[in-house]
Amino acid sequence: MMTVRDILPCLHRPLASGPLDALVTSVSSDSRVIGEGSIFVAIRGNQLDGRTYIPSAKEQGAVAIIADCAPETGDPTDVAWIQVADPRLALASVAAFLEDHPASKLRLVGVTGTNGKTTTTFLTHHIMKRFWHRAGVLGTIIVDDGDEASVASHTTPDPVALQSLLGRMVDNGCRGAALEVSSHGIDQKRVAGMAFDALVFTNLTQDHLDYHGTMEAYASAKFSWFEDAAENPRGKKPVAIINIDDSRGAELAETLDRRMSVIRFGFGLEADYQALNFRQSPRGMQFKLKAKGREFLVRAPLIGRFNAYNILAALAATQAAGIPLREGVAAIAEAPQVPGRMENCGNRDGISIFVDYAHTPDALENACHTLKELEPRRLFTVFGCGGDRDRRKRPLMAKAAARESDVCIITSDNPRSEDPEEIIREIESGMGSARYKSVTDRSEAIRIAIHAAGAGDIVLIAGKGHETYQKFADRTIDFDDRREARRAMEERPNPEEPRR
C-alpha cells in the first residue's frame, strides 16, 4: 500500500504538511468521486474553482489535498496538505505513479495536429495490431484496451482515466498503443509526464480559437508537447515525426533539431519519408515511398493526398516504435475504412456519396479538392458550422467549400446553444457569388443534395463524420450523416420516374 509520503517524490517541489502516512487508494480532481483514501486535487478552471470543493472532499474521506495554495489559517490538520505550483501537472504525475507508469511499458505513439489525428492514429493502431497482434488505441472514434473496443467519449481523457486505460492495455498484453493528443489535452497537462516513443505532428490550421484565442497560442500548445519530450525523455529516446510540407511543421522541426531525433515526412525533397508519383482512383491510392535509402510501393484503400500524409506519418511512427517499415507498408494495403473520414456511403444511379469529418476550412477544402480530382460531373457539398465554437472560421468554411464545389448546401451542424439560422447567416457571408442553398434541417439538406444529383455527380456531406448525434440548445438527438445519406438514396426517385 502507498502512503501520501510515497507520492511526494513524483511531484515538483511540493510543500507538504499534516498526516503523511495515511494510506492512498486513488486520486481525482472531481470531488464527486472522492472516497476513503483518496487524494483530492483542487484545480482552478475557467468556470469552476476546485478549492471550493475541498470541504466536501474531506467529508467524503480524502486523506490529502493538493492545491496551489497553503491551507487557510486555522484550518484543522486532519488531512495532509500538499502545496504545488501546478495542480494539473500534479494530478497527471500522481495518476501515472499510482498506475506504476504504464506508458513506460508500452511502445507509445502520440499524434497531434489540427487535421489527420484520427486517421493517423487509426492507421498506426492497424499496423501495430498486424505486427504485434495486441495493441491499444485511444482516439476520437474508438478506445481499444487490447481486450475489447468501445466508443470514445473524449479525444484525450483526464489523466486518471487515461492512466487507468494505459494500465489495462499493459495488463491485457498490449505491446504498443496509439493515442490522439489534442491541444486541450496538452494545455491541461493530461499527457504530462508520459513517456512516448514517437510524437507525430500532422499540420496546424485554424481551429479551437474559441479556446486558445490566437493561432500563436494554439501552435504554442502543440509545440510544448514536443519541447517537453526533448527536455525530459523519461528513459526513452523519443522521435518527433513531423509534416514539413506544413509551414508550422517545418518551423517545429527546425526548433527541435539537435535537441531530439526528428523524422520529416511529406512530398518535398527535404522529407526523410517522401511520397512520389501519387495516383488515386475511387478505389484507393498508390505512391512510391522513399525512406531509409530504400523505395517501397505503397497501396491503400483510401483516397486523398491528405491521407497520403497520414499514411507517411503512421509508417514513420510505427517504424520508430520498432516495427519494420516493410511490415508497415504491407499492413497499409489492407487498412480498414476509417469511420466518417472520407467514408464512401454507397453509389446509386451513378451518384457517389462521401461522408467526412472536415470541420475546419483547410480540411473542407482538402476534402472537396480530393473529390474534384476524381473528375465528377458536379460536386455537391453539404456543410455547416458548430455552435459555441470559433465564429471567425464560418465565412472561411464557406469560401473553402465554394472554391471547389459546383453546388453548396449550407445547413446545421451541432448548433448547441446558438440559433442555427444565425450560424447559417454567418456562413453565408463568405459564399460570395457561389451557387448555394441554405436548409436549416440537416436531414432535409442531405435529402435535397442527393435527390438533385445525377449520374456522374458526387455528394460530400461534411462536418460530423462518425458522430451519431446532433446537439441543440435544449436537446441532443440521434443523427448519423451516413444513415441519413443511405435513407435519402433509398427514397431517391428512379431515373425513369418523373420528378414531382
Protein backbone atom coordinates (compact mmCIF):
# COMPACT_ATOMS: atom_id res chain seq x y z
CA MET A 1 0.00 0.00 0.00
CA MET A 2 1.13 3.53 -0.75
CA THR A 3 1.07 6.45 1.62
CA VAL A 4 0.83 10.18 1.00
CA ARG A 5 4.54 10.37 1.77
CA ASP A 6 5.29 7.88 -1.03
CA ILE A 7 3.80 10.09 -3.72
CA LEU A 8 5.79 13.22 -2.80
CA PRO A 9 8.87 12.35 -4.94
CA CYS A 10 6.76 12.37 -8.13
CA LEU A 11 5.69 15.99 -7.51
CA HIS A 12 7.61 19.13 -8.42
CA ARG A 13 8.80 20.94 -5.28
CA PRO A 14 5.88 20.04 -3.02
CA LEU A 15 5.34 21.69 0.36
CA ALA A 16 3.72 19.00 2.50
CA SER A 17 2.22 19.05 5.96
CA GLY A 18 -0.20 17.00 8.04
CA PRO A 19 -0.56 13.22 8.40
CA LEU A 20 1.67 12.00 5.54
CA ASP A 21 1.49 8.30 6.49
CA ALA A 22 -2.18 7.95 5.56
CA LEU A 23 -2.85 5.21 3.03
CA VAL A 24 -3.70 6.31 -0.53
CA THR A 25 -6.12 4.43 -2.80
CA SER A 26 -6.88 6.89 -5.62
CA VAL A 27 -6.59 10.44 -6.92
CA SER A 28 -9.11 12.74 -8.59
CA SER A 29 -9.95 16.38 -9.28
CA ASP A 30 -13.69 15.54 -9.16
CA SER A 31 -14.97 15.82 -5.60
CA ARG A 32 -17.99 13.69 -6.50
CA VAL A 33 -15.88 10.53 -6.82
CA ILE A 34 -13.70 11.11 -3.76
CA GLY A 35 -13.86 8.30 -1.20
CA GLU A 36 -11.88 6.85 1.69
CA GLY A 37 -8.15 7.06 0.92
CA SER A 38 -8.49 9.48 -2.00
CA ILE A 39 -6.27 12.41 -2.81
CA PHE A 40 -8.27 15.43 -3.98
CA VAL A 41 -6.56 17.79 -6.42
CA ALA A 42 -8.08 21.27 -6.35
CA ILE A 43 -7.81 22.76 -9.83
CA ARG A 44 -8.84 26.28 -10.74
CA GLY A 45 -10.68 26.05 -14.07
CA ASN A 46 -12.22 28.66 -16.32
CA GLN A 47 -15.66 28.11 -14.83
CA LEU A 48 -15.13 26.28 -11.52
CA ASP A 49 -12.61 26.68 -8.73
CA GLY A 50 -11.76 23.30 -7.30
CA ARG A 51 -10.73 24.84 -3.98
CA THR A 52 -14.39 25.45 -3.14
CA TYR A 53 -14.91 21.66 -3.07
CA ILE A 54 -12.16 20.94 -0.54
CA PRO A 55 -14.57 20.73 2.45
CA SER A 56 -16.75 18.27 0.53
CA ALA A 57 -13.72 16.16 -0.42
CA LYS A 58 -12.67 15.99 3.23
CA GLU A 59 -16.15 14.93 4.33
CA GLN A 60 -16.11 12.10 1.78
CA GLY A 61 -12.85 10.64 3.07
CA ALA A 62 -9.99 12.41 1.29
CA VAL A 63 -6.68 11.79 3.04
CA ALA A 64 -4.81 14.57 1.27
CA ILE A 65 -5.43 17.82 -0.60
CA ILE A 66 -3.21 19.02 -3.42
CA ALA A 67 -3.63 22.72 -4.21
CA ASP A 68 -1.69 25.74 -5.45
CA CYS A 69 -2.12 27.50 -2.11
CA ALA A 70 -1.44 26.89 1.55
CA PRO A 71 -4.29 25.88 3.88
CA GLU A 72 -6.15 28.78 5.37
CA THR A 73 -5.04 29.91 8.80
CA GLY A 74 -6.87 27.95 11.44
CA ASP A 75 -7.76 25.06 9.14
CA PRO A 76 -7.67 21.73 11.03
CA THR A 77 -4.75 19.50 10.00
CA ASP A 78 -6.89 16.36 9.86
CA VAL A 79 -5.70 15.57 6.32
CA ALA A 80 -2.39 16.03 4.56
CA TRP A 81 -1.97 19.24 2.58
CA ILE A 82 0.41 19.43 -0.38
CA GLN A 83 1.06 22.80 -1.97
CA VAL A 84 2.36 22.76 -5.58
CA ALA A 85 2.76 25.36 -8.30
CA ASP A 86 0.72 23.44 -10.90
CA PRO A 87 -2.11 21.17 -9.65
CA ARG A 88 -2.88 19.94 -13.19
CA LEU A 89 0.66 18.65 -13.53
CA ALA A 90 0.42 17.13 -10.05
CA LEU A 91 -2.79 15.28 -10.99
CA ALA A 92 -1.11 13.75 -14.06
CA SER A 93 2.00 12.83 -12.08
CA VAL A 94 0.13 11.15 -9.24
CA ALA A 95 -2.22 9.31 -11.63
CA ALA A 96 0.77 7.86 -13.51
CA PHE A 97 2.52 6.98 -10.26
CA LEU A 98 -0.49 5.11 -8.85
CA GLU A 99 -0.75 3.06 -12.08
CA ASP A 100 3.02 2.33 -11.98
CA HIS A 101 3.77 4.42 -15.09
CA PRO A 102 2.19 2.18 -17.76
CA ALA A 103 3.43 4.40 -20.63
CA SER A 104 6.97 3.26 -19.88
CA LYS A 105 5.89 -0.36 -20.52
CA LEU A 106 4.35 0.32 -23.95
CA ARG A 107 5.69 1.38 -27.34
CA LEU A 108 3.67 4.58 -27.31
CA VAL A 109 2.82 6.76 -30.33
CA GLY A 110 1.03 10.07 -29.84
CA VAL A 111 -0.49 12.07 -32.69
CA THR A 112 -1.34 15.77 -32.60
CA GLY A 113 -2.32 18.36 -35.21
CA THR A 114 -5.44 20.08 -36.47
CA ASN A 115 -6.40 17.58 -39.17
CA GLY A 116 -5.50 13.93 -39.63
CA LYS A 117 -5.10 12.91 -35.96
CA THR A 118 -7.87 10.33 -36.04
CA THR A 119 -6.89 8.70 -39.32
CA THR A 120 -3.17 8.64 -38.46
CA THR A 121 -3.92 7.10 -35.07
CA PHE A 122 -6.30 4.59 -36.67
CA LEU A 123 -3.67 3.55 -39.23
CA THR A 124 -0.91 3.37 -36.60
CA HIS A 125 -3.06 1.07 -34.48
CA HIS A 126 -3.86 -1.08 -37.52
CA ILE A 127 -0.14 -1.58 -38.26
CA MET A 128 0.59 -2.34 -34.58
CA LYS A 129 -2.15 -4.97 -34.41
CA ARG A 130 -1.00 -6.61 -37.62
CA PHE A 131 2.56 -6.93 -36.28
CA TRP A 132 2.06 -7.36 -32.52
CA HIS A 133 -1.46 -8.85 -32.53
CA ARG A 134 -2.38 -6.87 -29.42
CA ALA A 135 -2.20 -3.09 -29.33
CA GLY A 136 -4.22 -0.31 -27.78
CA VAL A 137 -5.75 2.82 -29.25
CA LEU A 138 -7.38 5.92 -27.82
CA GLY A 139 -8.90 8.42 -30.21
CA THR A 140 -11.93 10.43 -31.18
CA ILE A 141 -13.76 7.38 -32.54
CA ILE A 142 -12.70 4.32 -30.60
CA VAL A 143 -10.99 3.06 -27.45
CA ASP A 144 -9.35 -0.37 -27.59
CA ASP A 145 -7.59 -1.69 -24.46
CA GLY A 146 -6.32 -4.81 -26.23
CA ASP A 147 -9.21 -6.91 -24.97
CA GLU A 148 -12.31 -5.03 -26.08
CA ALA A 149 -13.18 -1.93 -28.07
CA SER A 150 -15.73 0.75 -27.17
CA VAL A 151 -16.89 4.12 -28.44
CA ALA A 152 -14.69 7.01 -27.30
CA SER A 153 -16.13 9.85 -25.23
CA HIS A 154 -13.15 12.24 -25.29
CA THR A 155 -10.22 12.62 -27.66
CA THR A 156 -7.79 12.85 -24.74
CA PRO A 157 -9.44 11.97 -21.41
CA ASP A 158 -8.43 13.29 -17.99
CA PRO A 159 -5.16 11.90 -16.56
CA VAL A 160 -6.83 9.47 -14.16
CA ALA A 161 -8.93 7.83 -16.88
CA LEU A 162 -6.01 7.92 -19.31
CA GLN A 163 -3.55 6.23 -16.95
CA SER A 164 -6.15 3.62 -15.99
CA LEU A 165 -6.71 2.81 -19.66
CA LEU A 166 -2.97 2.51 -20.31
CA GLY A 167 -2.72 0.23 -17.28
CA ARG A 168 -5.43 -2.03 -18.73
CA MET A 169 -3.55 -2.14 -22.03
CA VAL A 170 -0.44 -3.35 -20.22
CA ASP A 171 -2.44 -5.92 -18.24
CA ASN A 172 -4.08 -7.17 -21.46
CA GLY A 173 -0.75 -7.86 -23.11
CA CYS A 174 -0.54 -4.90 -25.47
CA ARG A 175 2.97 -4.18 -26.69
CA GLY A 176 2.13 -0.77 -28.06
CA ALA A 177 -0.57 1.87 -28.27
CA ALA A 178 -1.57 4.84 -30.42
CA LEU A 179 -3.10 7.94 -28.85
CA GLU A 180 -4.69 11.07 -30.25
CA VAL A 181 -3.30 14.04 -28.35
CA SER A 182 -5.47 17.15 -28.51
CA SER A 183 -4.29 20.70 -27.91
CA HIS A 184 -6.72 20.85 -24.97
CA GLY A 185 -5.13 17.69 -23.59
CA ILE A 186 -1.66 19.19 -23.86
CA ASP A 187 -2.64 22.56 -22.42
CA GLN A 188 -4.46 20.93 -19.49
CA LYS A 189 -1.50 18.61 -18.76
CA ARG A 190 -3.49 15.42 -19.39
CA VAL A 191 -0.49 13.73 -21.05
CA ALA A 192 2.16 15.38 -18.88
CA GLY A 193 4.92 13.10 -17.69
CA MET A 194 4.14 10.30 -20.14
CA ALA A 195 6.98 8.56 -21.97
CA PHE A 196 6.32 8.50 -25.73
CA ASP A 197 8.39 6.65 -28.31
CA ALA A 198 7.08 8.73 -31.22
CA LEU A 199 5.34 12.11 -31.27
CA VAL A 200 3.58 12.94 -34.56
CA PHE A 201 2.70 16.41 -35.85
CA THR A 202 0.27 16.31 -38.79
CA ASN A 203 -0.41 20.02 -39.53
CA LEU A 204 -1.76 23.21 -37.99
CA THR A 205 -4.69 25.18 -39.42
CA GLN A 206 -7.38 27.36 -37.87
CA ASP A 207 -9.40 25.59 -35.19
CA HIS A 208 -10.12 25.81 -31.46
CA LEU A 209 -9.53 29.57 -31.34
CA ASP A 210 -12.56 29.78 -29.06
CA TYR A 211 -10.27 28.05 -26.51
CA HIS A 212 -6.75 29.22 -27.40
CA GLY A 213 -7.61 32.74 -28.59
CA THR A 214 -4.89 33.07 -31.24
CA MET A 215 -3.08 30.85 -33.72
CA GLU A 216 0.17 31.58 -31.89
CA ALA A 217 -1.28 30.28 -28.61
CA TYR A 218 -2.70 27.26 -30.44
CA ALA A 219 0.68 26.49 -32.02
CA SER A 220 2.46 27.05 -28.72
CA ALA A 221 0.25 24.45 -27.02
CA LYS A 222 1.09 21.86 -29.70
CA PHE A 223 4.81 22.69 -29.68
CA SER A 224 5.08 22.49 -25.88
CA TRP A 225 4.39 18.75 -26.01
CA PHE A 226 7.41 18.17 -28.25
CA GLU A 227 9.61 20.54 -26.26
CA ASP A 228 8.74 18.71 -23.05
CA ALA A 229 9.72 15.37 -24.64
CA ALA A 230 13.00 16.89 -25.86
CA GLU A 231 13.85 18.22 -22.40
CA ASN A 232 12.72 15.14 -20.45
CA PRO A 233 12.63 11.89 -22.49
CA ARG A 234 11.73 9.85 -19.38
CA GLY A 235 14.03 6.96 -20.09
CA LYS A 236 13.16 6.62 -23.78
CA LYS A 237 14.61 8.01 -27.00
CA PRO A 238 11.54 9.76 -28.39
CA VAL A 239 11.35 10.58 -32.09
CA ALA A 240 9.46 13.58 -33.49
CA ILE A 241 7.61 12.69 -36.71
CA ILE A 242 6.80 15.99 -38.43
CA ASN A 243 5.00 17.04 -41.62
CA ILE A 244 7.39 19.61 -43.07
CA ASP A 245 5.11 20.46 -46.01
CA ASP A 246 3.14 22.33 -43.35
CA SER A 247 4.77 25.67 -42.52
CA ARG A 248 4.26 25.24 -38.78
CA GLY A 249 5.65 21.73 -39.03
CA ALA A 250 8.78 22.98 -40.78
CA GLU A 251 9.19 25.55 -38.01
CA LEU A 252 8.78 22.89 -35.33
CA ALA A 253 11.31 20.55 -36.99
CA GLU A 254 13.89 23.32 -37.12
CA THR A 255 13.26 24.15 -33.45
CA LEU A 256 13.75 20.54 -32.37
CA ASP A 257 16.86 19.78 -34.45
CA ARG A 258 19.82 18.77 -32.30
CA ARG A 259 17.52 18.51 -29.28
CA MET A 260 15.87 15.21 -30.20
CA SER A 261 15.66 12.82 -33.13
CA VAL A 262 13.47 14.28 -35.91
CA ILE A 263 11.96 12.44 -38.90
CA ARG A 264 10.46 14.69 -41.56
CA PHE A 265 7.70 13.49 -43.88
CA GLY A 266 5.95 14.96 -46.90
CA PHE A 267 6.11 15.27 -50.67
CA GLY A 268 9.11 17.64 -50.72
CA LEU A 269 12.76 16.84 -51.33
CA GLU A 270 13.76 17.53 -47.71
CA ALA A 271 11.48 14.79 -46.37
CA ASP A 272 13.03 11.68 -44.80
CA TYR A 273 9.79 9.84 -45.67
CA GLN A 274 8.91 11.17 -49.12
CA ALA A 275 5.87 10.35 -51.24
CA LEU A 276 6.35 10.39 -55.03
CA ASN A 277 4.20 9.60 -58.07
CA PHE A 278 0.92 9.86 -56.18
CA ARG A 279 -2.07 8.39 -58.04
CA GLN A 280 -5.63 7.70 -56.98
CA SER A 281 -8.97 6.39 -58.13
CA PRO A 282 -12.33 5.97 -56.38
CA ARG A 283 -11.00 2.62 -55.08
CA GLY A 284 -7.82 3.92 -53.45
CA MET A 285 -4.33 5.31 -53.93
CA GLN A 286 -0.77 4.35 -54.59
CA PHE A 287 2.54 6.17 -54.36
CA LYS A 288 6.26 5.49 -54.18
CA LEU A 289 7.79 5.90 -50.75
CA LYS A 290 11.46 6.87 -50.43
CA ALA A 291 12.74 6.28 -46.90
CA LYS A 292 15.85 5.00 -45.19
CA GLY A 293 17.65 4.82 -48.54
CA ARG A 294 15.04 2.41 -49.89
CA GLU A 295 11.93 2.61 -52.05
CA PHE A 296 8.54 0.97 -51.49
CA LEU A 297 5.31 0.91 -53.48
CA VAL A 298 2.55 1.91 -51.07
CA ARG A 299 -1.03 0.95 -51.88
CA ALA A 300 -4.00 1.84 -49.68
CA PRO A 301 -7.81 1.64 -49.98
CA LEU A 302 -8.05 5.35 -49.11
CA ILE A 303 -8.28 8.48 -51.26
CA GLY A 304 -6.85 11.97 -50.95
CA ARG A 305 -3.37 13.46 -50.76
CA PHE A 306 -4.12 14.30 -47.13
CA ASN A 307 -4.42 10.57 -46.48
CA ALA A 308 -1.02 10.06 -48.09
CA TYR A 309 0.35 12.35 -45.36
CA ASN A 310 -1.48 10.30 -42.73
CA ILE A 311 -0.01 7.09 -44.14
CA LEU A 312 3.52 8.54 -44.17
CA ALA A 313 3.11 9.60 -40.54
CA ALA A 314 1.81 6.17 -39.47
CA LEU A 315 4.62 4.34 -41.27
CA ALA A 316 7.32 6.59 -39.78
CA ALA A 317 5.82 6.39 -36.29
CA THR A 318 5.47 2.61 -36.22
CA GLN A 319 8.98 2.20 -37.58
CA ALA A 320 10.23 4.47 -34.76
CA ALA A 321 8.28 2.25 -32.34
CA GLY A 322 10.12 -0.84 -33.58
CA ILE A 323 8.04 -2.23 -36.45
CA PRO A 324 9.95 -2.88 -39.71
CA LEU A 325 8.93 -0.48 -42.47
CA ARG A 326 8.21 -3.30 -44.91
CA GLU A 327 5.68 -4.75 -42.43
CA GLY A 328 4.01 -1.37 -42.13
CA VAL A 329 3.70 -0.97 -45.89
CA ALA A 330 2.14 -4.45 -46.19
CA ALA A 331 -0.37 -3.65 -43.43
CA ILE A 332 -1.41 -0.35 -45.04
CA ALA A 333 -2.52 -2.21 -48.17
CA GLU A 334 -5.28 -3.79 -46.04
CA ALA A 335 -6.14 -0.73 -43.95
CA PRO A 336 -9.79 -0.56 -42.86
CA GLN A 337 -12.14 2.29 -43.67
CA VAL A 338 -11.83 4.98 -41.02
CA PRO A 339 -15.39 5.77 -39.86
CA GLY A 340 -16.55 9.17 -41.05
CA ARG A 341 -13.24 10.01 -42.70
CA MET A 342 -13.90 10.27 -46.44
CA GLU A 343 -16.18 7.28 -45.95
CA ASN A 344 -17.86 6.03 -49.11
CA CYS A 345 -21.53 5.56 -48.24
CA GLY A 346 -22.56 3.99 -51.49
CA ASN A 347 -23.44 4.61 -55.11
CA ARG A 348 -26.81 4.74 -56.81
CA ASP A 349 -27.77 5.85 -60.29
CA GLY A 350 -24.15 6.81 -60.88
CA ILE A 351 -24.05 9.12 -57.82
CA SER A 352 -21.29 8.61 -55.23
CA ILE A 353 -21.83 9.73 -51.62
CA PHE A 354 -19.00 10.51 -49.21
CA VAL A 355 -19.18 11.49 -45.53
CA ASP A 356 -16.22 13.29 -43.98
CA TYR A 357 -15.48 14.88 -40.61
CA ALA A 358 -13.97 18.00 -42.25
CA HIS A 359 -14.92 20.85 -39.90
CA THR A 360 -12.09 23.30 -40.48
CA PRO A 361 -11.55 25.45 -43.60
CA ASP A 362 -8.38 23.58 -44.54
CA ALA A 363 -9.92 20.12 -44.06
CA LEU A 364 -13.03 21.05 -46.03
CA GLU A 365 -11.02 22.47 -48.90
CA ASN A 366 -8.85 19.33 -48.97
CA ALA A 367 -11.92 17.08 -48.97
CA CYS A 368 -13.54 19.00 -51.81
CA HIS A 369 -10.31 19.10 -53.81
CA THR A 370 -9.79 15.37 -53.38
CA LEU A 371 -13.24 14.59 -54.75
CA LYS A 372 -12.85 17.05 -57.63
CA GLU A 373 -9.69 15.18 -58.63
CA LEU A 374 -11.96 12.17 -59.29
CA GLU A 375 -13.47 14.32 -62.09
CA PRO A 376 -17.16 14.21 -61.18
CA ARG A 377 -19.70 15.89 -63.42
CA ARG A 378 -20.63 18.07 -60.44
CA LEU A 379 -19.67 18.18 -56.76
CA PHE A 380 -22.45 18.88 -54.25
CA THR A 381 -21.17 19.84 -50.78
CA VAL A 382 -23.41 19.80 -47.69
CA PHE A 383 -21.83 21.51 -44.69
CA GLY A 384 -22.36 23.74 -41.68
CA CYS A 385 -20.50 25.02 -38.61
CA GLY A 386 -20.84 24.07 -34.96
CA GLY A 387 -22.32 26.45 -32.42
CA ASP A 388 -20.39 27.75 -29.39
CA ARG A 389 -17.17 27.42 -31.37
CA ASP A 390 -14.85 29.80 -33.23
CA ARG A 391 -17.18 32.11 -35.18
CA ARG A 392 -14.31 33.52 -37.22
CA LYS A 393 -13.98 30.36 -39.28
CA ARG A 394 -17.60 30.37 -40.51
CA PRO A 395 -17.11 32.58 -43.60
CA LEU A 396 -13.78 30.79 -44.17
CA MET A 397 -15.61 27.47 -44.31
CA ALA A 398 -17.93 28.96 -46.91
CA LYS A 399 -15.02 30.12 -49.06
CA ALA A 400 -13.35 26.71 -48.77
CA ALA A 401 -16.49 24.88 -49.90
CA ALA A 402 -17.28 27.37 -52.67
CA ARG A 403 -13.78 27.20 -54.13
CA GLU A 404 -14.13 23.61 -55.36
CA SER A 405 -17.86 22.78 -55.23
CA ASP A 406 -20.38 23.23 -58.01
CA VAL A 407 -23.31 23.41 -55.59
CA CYS A 408 -23.19 24.09 -51.84
CA ILE A 409 -25.98 23.39 -49.38
CA ILE A 410 -25.46 25.15 -46.06
CA THR A 411 -27.12 23.51 -43.07
CA SER A 412 -26.90 22.94 -39.32
CA ASP A 413 -24.02 21.04 -37.76
CA ASN A 414 -24.22 20.94 -33.95
CA PRO A 415 -25.77 24.35 -33.19
CA ARG A 416 -25.59 23.77 -29.43
CA SER A 417 -26.81 26.90 -27.62
CA GLU A 418 -26.77 29.13 -30.71
CA ASP A 419 -29.58 29.88 -33.15
CA PRO A 420 -28.99 27.57 -36.19
CA GLU A 421 -30.25 30.19 -38.63
CA GLU A 422 -27.88 32.83 -37.26
CA ILE A 423 -24.94 30.43 -37.73
CA ILE A 424 -26.06 29.86 -41.32
CA ARG A 425 -26.25 33.63 -41.95
CA GLU A 426 -22.66 33.99 -40.75
CA ILE A 427 -21.57 31.20 -43.09
CA GLU A 428 -23.45 32.80 -46.00
CA SER A 429 -21.36 35.96 -45.62
CA GLY A 430 -18.41 34.06 -47.10
CA MET A 431 -20.20 32.47 -50.06
CA GLY A 432 -19.71 35.36 -52.47
CA SER A 433 -21.16 34.59 -55.91
CA ALA A 434 -21.08 30.80 -55.42
CA ARG A 435 -24.18 28.74 -56.13
CA TYR A 436 -25.71 27.70 -52.82
CA LYS A 437 -28.91 26.93 -50.94
CA SER A 438 -29.49 27.17 -47.18
CA VAL A 439 -31.57 24.46 -45.50
CA THR A 440 -31.63 24.54 -41.70
CA ASP A 441 -32.77 20.94 -41.21
CA ARG A 442 -29.71 18.75 -41.83
CA SER A 443 -31.70 15.67 -42.80
CA GLU A 444 -33.61 17.69 -45.37
CA ALA A 445 -30.38 19.25 -46.69
CA ILE A 446 -28.87 15.82 -47.26
CA ARG A 447 -32.03 14.61 -48.99
CA ILE A 448 -32.14 17.66 -51.29
CA ALA A 449 -28.50 17.23 -52.33
CA ILE A 450 -28.83 13.52 -53.08
CA HIS A 451 -32.12 13.91 -54.93
CA ALA A 452 -30.76 16.81 -57.00
CA ALA A 453 -27.61 14.94 -58.04
CA GLY A 454 -27.44 12.91 -61.23
CA ALA A 455 -25.25 10.31 -62.88
CA GLY A 456 -21.58 11.19 -62.59
CA ASP A 457 -22.08 13.51 -59.62
CA ILE A 458 -20.50 13.26 -56.16
CA VAL A 459 -22.17 14.39 -52.94
CA LEU A 460 -19.93 15.29 -49.98
CA ILE A 461 -21.57 15.55 -46.55
CA ALA A 462 -19.04 17.29 -44.33
CA GLY A 463 -18.59 18.27 -40.71
CA LYS A 464 -19.93 15.49 -38.49
CA GLY A 465 -18.30 12.37 -39.91
CA HIS A 466 -18.58 9.48 -37.44
CA GLU A 467 -20.83 11.35 -34.99
CA THR A 468 -24.17 9.72 -34.22
CA TYR A 469 -25.87 12.71 -32.60
CA GLN A 470 -26.81 16.34 -33.15
CA LYS A 471 -26.70 18.84 -30.28
CA PHE A 472 -29.22 21.64 -29.87
CA ALA A 473 -29.74 24.13 -27.05
CA ASP A 474 -32.42 22.05 -25.37
CA ARG A 475 -31.76 18.51 -26.55
CA THR A 476 -29.43 16.03 -28.21
CA ILE A 477 -30.93 13.78 -30.88
CA ASP A 478 -29.79 10.64 -32.67
CA PHE A 479 -28.33 11.69 -36.00
CA ASP A 480 -25.88 9.96 -38.32
CA ASP A 481 -24.94 11.52 -41.67
CA ARG A 482 -24.24 8.06 -43.09
CA ARG A 483 -27.65 6.73 -42.12
CA GLU A 484 -29.37 9.83 -43.47
CA ALA A 485 -27.45 9.54 -46.74
CA ARG A 486 -28.45 5.90 -47.22
CA ARG A 487 -32.07 6.71 -46.42
CA ALA A 488 -32.06 9.55 -48.94
CA MET A 489 -30.60 7.23 -51.58
CA GLU A 490 -33.30 4.64 -50.91
CA GLU A 491 -36.01 7.30 -51.20
CA ARG A 492 -34.50 8.77 -54.34
CA PRO A 493 -36.89 8.51 -57.33
CA ASN A 494 -35.86 6.08 -60.04
CA PRO A 495 -34.32 7.84 -63.05
CA GLU A 496 -37.22 6.83 -65.30
CA GLU A 497 -39.83 8.15 -62.86
CA PRO A 498 -40.96 11.75 -63.37
CA ARG A 499 -39.93 14.06 -60.51
CA ARG A 500 -42.66 15.95 -58.77
